[in-house]
Amino acid sequence: MLIRTAQMADIDILKKYDHYISAKELENSICLNRIYIIEKDKNLIGWLRYNLFWDSVPFMNMLYILDGSRRQGFGTRLVKYWESQMKELNYKEVMTSTQSNEYAQHFYYSLGYSAIGSFLTDEDTLELILSKEL
């Protein structure tokens, strides 16, 4: 298993799976070193993409583990790696969000994240804002 920063050579595989971001923004995220890839035997298992909330707090926009690789600890390893990288960059806090009807909230709670707020989406689903001190 290997965790590494995404490179431009990864853009095609990321575009294939990450439909939540435009190709241009995906390129920008790669250039800014804001995507981490997890691989096994040189095959993509998943990725973590982040940005900066209020231009100052790392905010995980996407954590995705491909089918067949879920529930094997890869997501936990990827999040912990990202958190360690953010700590090395002298950030004191990280954030993410998830819908209240998704299991992901329990995953983040188990990693030490706390709900700090919420809002209703257009679909009347509650989006939870989560934070963790590093």
C-alpha atoms as a PDB file:
ATOM      1  CA  MET A   1       0.000   0.000   0.000  1.00  0.00           C
ATOM      2  CA  LEU A   2       1.298   3.441  -0.942  1.00  0.00           C
ATOM      3  CA  ILE A   3      -0.079   6.914  -0.244  1.00  0.00           C
ATOM      4  CA  ARG A   4       1.261   9.704  -2.430  1.00  0.00           C
ATOM      5  CA  THR A   5       0.461  13.129  -3.808  1.00  0.00           C
ATOM      6  CA  ALA A   6      -1.408  13.011  -7.115  1.00  0.00           C
ATOM      7  CA  GLN A   7       0.514  13.960 -10.246  1.00  0.00           C
ATOM      8  CA  MET A   8      -0.746  15.173 -13.640  1.00  0.00           C
ATOM      9  CA  ALA A   9      -0.223  11.619 -14.904  1.00  0.00           C
ATOM     10  CA  ASP A  10      -3.130  10.624 -12.596  1.00  0.00           C
ATOM     11  CA  ILE A  11      -5.639  13.028 -14.108  1.00  0.00           C
ATOM     12  CA  ASP A  12      -7.316  10.569 -16.471  1.00  0.00           C
ATOM     13  CA  ILE A  13      -8.010   7.978 -13.785  1.00  0.00           C
ATOM     14  CA  LEU A  14      -9.220  10.683 -11.379  1.00  0.00           C
ATOM     15  CA  LYS A  15     -11.517  12.187 -14.040  1.00  0.00           C
ATOM     16  CA  LYS A  16     -12.944   8.712 -14.648  1.00  0.00           C
ATOM     17  CA  TYR A  17     -14.124   8.415 -11.035  1.00  0.00           C
ATOM     18  CA  ASP A  18     -14.364  11.931  -9.574  1.00  0.00           C
ATOM     19  CA  HIS A  19     -17.456  13.445 -11.186  1.00  0.00           C
ATOM     20  CA  TYR A  20     -17.897  16.058  -8.459  1.00  0.00           C
ATOM     21  CA  ILE A  21     -15.280  18.487  -9.750  1.00  0.00           C
ATOM     22  CA  SER A  22     -14.594  20.051 -13.138  1.00  0.00           C
ATOM     23  CA  ALA A  23     -11.550  18.912 -15.101  1.00  0.00           C
ATOM     24  CA  LYS A  24      -9.984  22.370 -14.703  1.00  0.00           C
ATOM     25  CA  GLU A  25     -10.452  22.390 -10.921  1.00  0.00           C
ATOM     26  CA  LEU A  26      -9.098  18.857 -10.762  1.00  0.00           C
ATOM     27  CA  GLU A  27      -5.974  20.063 -12.570  1.00  0.00           C
ATOM     28  CA  ASN A  28      -5.698  23.000 -10.154  1.00  0.00           C
ATOM     29  CA  SER A  29      -6.009  20.675  -7.158  1.00  0.00           C
ATOM     30  CA  ILE A  30      -3.241  18.461  -8.523  1.00  0.00           C
ATOM     31  CA  CYS A  31      -0.989  21.473  -9.133  1.00  0.00           C
ATOM     32  CA  LEU A  32      -1.607  22.670  -5.570  1.00  0.00           C
ATOM     33  CA  ASN A  33      -0.771  19.185  -4.169  1.00  0.00           C
ATOM     34  CA  ARG A  34      -4.257  18.919  -2.690  1.00  0.00           C
ATOM     35  CA  ILE A  35      -5.030  15.359  -3.755  1.00  0.00           C
ATOM     36  CA  TYR A  36      -3.624  12.257  -2.090  1.00  0.00           C
ATOM     37  CA  ILE A  37      -3.895   8.884  -3.786  1.00  0.00           C
ATOM     38  CA  ILE A  38      -3.816   5.501  -2.108  1.00  0.00           C
ATOM     39  CA  GLU A  39      -2.633   2.567  -4.208  1.00  0.00           C
ATOM     40  CA  LYS A  40      -2.079  -1.137  -3.808  1.00  0.00           C
ATOM     41  CA  ASP A  41       0.145  -2.953  -6.304  1.00  0.00           C
ATOM     42  CA  LYS A  42       0.230   0.297  -8.360  1.00  0.00           C
ATOM     43  CA  ASN A  43      -3.570   0.221  -8.713  1.00  0.00           C
ATOM     44  CA  LEU A  44      -5.770   3.076  -7.515  1.00  0.00           C
ATOM     45  CA  ILE A  45      -7.718   2.219  -4.372  1.00  0.00           C
ATOM     46  CA  GLY A  46      -8.984   5.715  -3.634  1.00  0.00           C
ATOM     47  CA  TRP A  47      -8.174   9.370  -3.112  1.00  0.00           C
ATOM     48  CA  LEU A  48      -8.632  12.299  -0.777  1.00  0.00           C
ATOM     49  CA  ARG A  49      -9.108  15.808  -2.139  1.00  0.00           C
ATOM     50  CA  TYR A  50      -9.114  18.950  -0.022  1.00  0.00           C
ATOM     51  CA  ASN A  51      -9.247  22.713  -0.231  1.00  0.00           C
ATOM     52  CA  LEU A  52      -9.005  25.526   2.305  1.00  0.00           C
ATOM     53  CA  PHE A  53     -12.111  26.687   4.157  1.00  0.00           C
ATOM     54  CA  TRP A  54     -11.954  30.454   4.756  1.00  0.00           C
ATOM     55  CA  ASP A  55      -8.571  30.250   2.976  1.00  0.00           C
ATOM     56  CA  SER A  56      -7.061  28.988   6.222  1.00  0.00           C
ATOM     57  CA  VAL A  57      -8.491  25.622   7.384  1.00  0.00           C
ATOM     58  CA  PRO A  58      -7.908  22.408   5.404  1.00  0.00           C
ATOM     59  CA  PHE A  59     -11.316  21.075   4.392  1.00  0.00           C
ATOM     60  CA  MET A  60     -11.619  17.544   3.022  1.00  0.00           C
ATOM     61  CA  ASN A  61     -13.932  17.823   0.024  1.00  0.00           C
ATOM     62  CA  MET A  62     -13.727  14.220  -1.104  1.00  0.00           C
ATOM     63  CA  LEU A  63     -12.696  10.918   0.397  1.00  0.00           C
ATOM     64  CA  TYR A  64     -13.431   8.045  -1.929  1.00  0.00           C
ATOM     65  CA  ILE A  65     -12.447   4.397  -1.733  1.00  0.00           C
ATOM     66  CA  LEU A  66     -13.338   2.265  -4.751  1.00  0.00           C
ATOM     67  CA  ASP A  67     -15.789  -0.628  -4.455  1.00  0.00           C
ATOM     68  CA  GLY A  68     -13.978  -3.806  -3.525  1.00  0.00           C
ATOM     69  CA  SER A  69     -11.503  -1.925  -1.330  1.00  0.00           C
ATOM     70  CA  ARG A  70     -13.936  -0.530   1.225  1.00  0.00           C
ATOM     71  CA  ARG A  71     -14.049  -1.577   4.885  1.00  0.00           C
ATOM     72  CA  GLN A  72     -10.400  -2.631   4.800  1.00  0.00           C
ATOM     73  CA  GLY A  73      -8.942   0.380   6.618  1.00  0.00           C
ATOM     74  CA  PHE A  74      -7.773   2.266   3.520  1.00  0.00           C
ATOM     75  CA  GLY A  75      -9.988   5.282   4.217  1.00  0.00           C
ATOM     76  CA  THR A  76      -8.722   5.492   7.786  1.00  0.00           C
ATOM     77  CA  ARG A  77      -5.106   5.313   6.612  1.00  0.00           C
ATOM     78  CA  LEU A  78      -5.698   7.987   3.998  1.00  0.00           C
ATOM     79  CA  VAL A  79      -7.389  10.386   6.434  1.00  0.00           C
ATOM     80  CA  LYS A  80      -4.684   9.885   9.062  1.00  0.00           C
ATOM     81  CA  TYR A  81      -1.988  10.477   6.438  1.00  0.00           C
ATOM     82  CA  TRP A  82      -3.723  13.699   5.331  1.00  0.00           C
ATOM     83  CA  GLU A  83      -4.042  14.854   8.933  1.00  0.00           C
ATOM     84  CA  SER A  84      -0.327  14.239   9.520  1.00  0.00           C
ATOM     85  CA  GLN A  85       0.522  16.191   6.384  1.00  0.00           C
ATOM     86  CA  MET A  86      -1.682  19.092   7.504  1.00  0.00           C
ATOM     87  CA  LYS A  87      -0.023  19.052  10.929  1.00  0.00           C
ATOM     88  CA  GLU A  88       3.409  19.192   9.260  1.00  0.00           C
ATOM     89  CA  LEU A  89       2.163  22.260   7.375  1.00  0.00           C
ATOM     90  CA  ASN A  90       1.376  23.823  10.786  1.00  0.00           C
ATOM     91  CA  TYR A  91      -2.399  23.680  10.537  1.00  0.00           C
ATOM     92  CA  LYS A  92      -4.106  23.324  13.916  1.00  0.00           C
ATOM     93  CA  GLU A  93      -7.497  22.095  12.704  1.00  0.00           C
ATOM     94  CA  VAL A  94      -9.065  20.204   9.779  1.00  0.00           C
ATOM     95  CA  MET A  95     -12.675  20.067   8.633  1.00  0.00           C
ATOM     96  CA  THR A  96     -15.011  18.044   6.449  1.00  0.00           C
ATOM     97  CA  SER A  97     -18.735  17.547   5.954  1.00  0.00           C
ATOM     98  CA  THR A  98     -21.145  14.705   5.341  1.00  0.00           C
ATOM     99  CA  GLN A  99     -24.865  14.256   5.005  1.00  0.00           C
ATOM    100  CA  SER A 100     -26.660  13.261   8.179  1.00  0.00           C
ATOM    101  CA  ASN A 101     -28.258  10.264   6.459  1.00  0.00           C
ATOM    102  CA  GLU A 102     -24.888   8.796   5.420  1.00  0.00           C
ATOM    103  CA  TYR A 103     -22.833   6.292   7.412  1.00  0.00           C
ATOM    104  CA  ALA A 104     -19.734   8.455   6.844  1.00  0.00           C
ATOM    105  CA  GLN A 105     -20.563  10.596   9.891  1.00  0.00           C
ATOM    106  CA  HIS A 106     -19.868   7.594  12.149  1.00  0.00           C
ATOM    107  CA  PHE A 107     -16.566   6.986  10.362  1.00  0.00           C
ATOM    108  CA  TYR A 108     -15.484  10.576  11.042  1.00  0.00           C
ATOM    109  CA  TYR A 109     -16.683  10.477  14.652  1.00  0.00           C
ATOM    110  CA  SER A 110     -14.561   7.350  15.193  1.00  0.00           C
ATOM    111  CA  LEU A 111     -11.542   9.329  13.949  1.00  0.00           C
ATOM    112  CA  GLY A 112     -12.111  12.100  16.495  1.00  0.00           C
ATOM    113  CA  TYR A 113     -14.145  14.576  14.441  1.00  0.00           C
ATOM    114  CA  SER A 114     -16.944  16.547  16.116  1.00  0.00           C
ATOM    115  CA  ALA A 115     -20.022  18.146  14.600  1.00  0.00           C
ATOM    116  CA  ILE A 116     -19.733  21.930  14.790  1.00  0.00           C
ATOM    117  CA  GLY A 117     -22.691  22.961  12.655  1.00  0.00           C
ATOM    118  CA  SER A 118     -25.062  22.018   9.872  1.00  0.00           C
ATOM    119  CA  PHE A 119     -27.238  23.353   7.085  1.00  0.00           C
ATOM    120  CA  LEU A 120     -30.058  22.074   4.877  1.00  0.00           C
ATOM    121  CA  THR A 121     -29.276  21.290   1.243  1.00  0.00           C
ATOM    122  CA  ASP A 122     -31.643  21.801  -1.692  1.00  0.00           C
ATOM    123  CA  GLU A 123     -32.783  18.198  -1.229  1.00  0.00           C
ATOM    124  CA  ASP A 124     -33.768  18.926   2.415  1.00  0.00           C
ATOM    125  CA  THR A 125     -30.891  16.786   3.645  1.00  0.00           C
ATOM    126  CA  LEU A 126     -28.949  17.987   6.644  1.00  0.00           C
ATOM    127  CA  GLU A 127     -25.255  18.511   5.850  1.00  0.00           C
ATOM    128  CA  LEU A 128     -23.086  18.146   8.952  1.00  0.00           C
ATOM    129  CA  ILE A 129     -19.928  20.240   9.308  1.00  0.00           C
ATOM    130  CA  LEU A 130     -17.230  18.340  11.196  1.00  0.00           C
ATOM    131  CA  SER A 131     -13.976  19.527  12.716  1.00  0.00           C
ATOM    132  CA  LYS A 132     -10.932  18.008  14.396  1.00  0.00           C
ATOM    133  CA  GLU A 133      -8.082  19.654  16.245  1.00  0.00           C
ATOM    134  CA  LEU A 134      -4.669  18.357  15.256  1.00  0.00           C
END
